[in-house]
Amino acid sequence: MRDNITIVSAGAGSGKTYRLAEEVLKAVQNNSARPEAILLTTFTRKAAAELEERVRLRLLENKAWEQAQRLRQAWIGTIDSVCLRLIQEYAFEAGQSPELSVFAPGEDRVEFNRALTDTVESEEWRQLDQLSNSLALGTGFGRQFDWRDLVKQIADGARSNRIAPEQLSESARKSIESYLPVFPKGEKSADSLDRELEAALGKAAAALQKNIDNGAHATKYTANALEYIKRIAGRLGATGKISWADWVKLSKLKVGKKSESFIAGLHAAAAYHFEHPRLHDEIATFITLVFKLAEQSLKRYQETKRAAGLLDFIDLEERCLELLDNKQVRAALKEKIDLVLVDEFQDTSPIQLALFLKLAEIAKRSVWVGDQKQSIFDFRGADPVLMQSVLENIKPDDRLETSFRSRPALVSLVNQAFTPVFPQQGITEKIDLKANRKEILNSLPCESWVLNTKNQKADFAAIADRIQTILENAKNYPVVDRQSKQSRPIRPADIAVLARNNAACFELADAIALRGIAVELARPGLLSAPEVILALAALRILLNPSDSMAAAQLTFLWNARDDQLESWLLPRLEEYSAWQKARDEG
């Protein structure tokens, strides 16, 4: 593909961010890239800010004061923010207005749902709700399925792949043709399979009931199974159909060991659900409908945006891609961009890949760092298969194969567990990390806890009790101090507790605090606190005295300060001024 593209394949904890910072430092030091001519992009604002700080820190550590300040002018940010900056800076060359109205996060979904509501017919809405229930799409990972989310995912996927709405009907046909062969075709009709299931339900219910009435077998499993069978039989008799989730459950229904022979026929009849013609028809109908609505909604959504002069993130990428085809813009950017760095390349969508390739044509050199095994932005159109195809066409120039984050035993476990699986997922590159984390302790304790509890509240109490026991026996749980690099007994701040959701975090924190243990819990809204806004404004005005927004915030909040805030802030400002003066004097 491109001779000036360097791809670095890197696993978790192998130093991707460090490598990017080193690339910038090396380029600046050997004068192959000006600090302000560096374009560095990643997928989240947090990651972009961390990268910028890491790079500036490396420059400061090497006493490159001027270059560190000039880095503030570099093109650093998320893909969307970099695209927006490019569009605004070269708006006149492209014959467009630099004033753009971009959807705030979440607003595009609201507008798309409005377009969907305007286009979908009431009968289609009812039909999709019924199909969702019948196909058992309402369950999974604790999240309620909403077919409207799927419609938007299809629309976004089409746009990320630059597929016109009119082509979605063809995509629906291909989807059906590729999906239905997963299910075997049988010779029995739908009515025949329904009758067989109904007969098997009646026979199993009668046999189980007789066994229970005679006292021959009355386990909890058998009683629950009988109740479920009666309920399903009643639903089938009343409506003529049951959900496919119920078919699956009936094919695996458990009873007591002595009653297993009585439901063998039911298991066999329900196991034919894969061959049921109605299942095949419902799948095809569902796919056809969601693609149809994606096409109609996308057209309406695009019309609404155009009429209102609004853009979303994909629009920014599309416009930027068109901008990079402009000869005048390309010539100007060749003078402005020396080095392009792409972090987390595995989360690239097709349209973003096209952008990076265009930028690679403009810049002297490009470095892409990523790992397709860590792709997490599927909802934004990222595709690990795309990453793999790029790796096959542009062979990685370097692989970061050493993990600095994890202990050797953990790295070895991951290698043994996942290495055999990757080839089945189309990942052909060799995956075998090596651990390089230096351990002062010969062995660190590793425990697994089995909670013999009855509910979640009891789970949290048991976890808190165990943490308390560990801290009471701290010498038995040594850790390596981050500052001294020496072994010491464990402290409360060394313990991290992970939970599945925020509600569980709060309950766990309360349970731990009740045992007199200090708990630190991340809470939203910190950056909106007046003290933090004031501190950030002060730092911004120190870095850039012409920052009018920072000056306004500083003036307003300083006039509204209290004595406690003043006593905290003034000494720190004095310390910073003294440090700055000492630095300037050499």
Foldseek 3Di string as FASTA:
>chain_A
DDPQEFEAEEDPQLQPLVVVLVVLVVCCVVVLFQLLQEAEEEADQVVQVVSLVSNLVVCVVVVVVVSSLSNVNHNTYYPLSSLLVLCLVCVVVVPHHSDAAEDDPPVLLVLLVVLLVVPDDPVLVVLLVVLCQQQVVQDDPPHGDDLSLVLVLVLLLCLLQVHALVCLLVVLVVVLVVPLVVFDADDDAQVVLLVLLLVLLVQLLVVLVVCVVVVVDDDPLSVVLSVLSVVVNVVCVVPVDHHLVSLVCQLVRDDPPVSVVSNPSNNVSSVCPSNHPVVSVSVSVNSNSSSVSSSSSSVSSVVVCVVVRYHYSSRSLVVSLVVLVSPVSLVVSLVRHAEYEYEACQQDANSNVSVVVSVCVRYSHYYYYHHVVPHDVVSNRGDSVVVQVVCVVVPRPYYSQERQDDDQVVLVVCCVPPQVPVVVVVRDDHHRHGYDHDDPDPDADDDDDDQPDDDLLSVLLVVLVVVVVCLVVQVNGWDQDPPVRHIDGDALVVDDDDDDDPVSVVSSCVSNVVVVHDDDDDDPDPCVDLLNLLVVLVVVCVSPVPPVVSVVSNVVSVVVDDPVSCVVPVVVVVVVVVVVVVSVVD
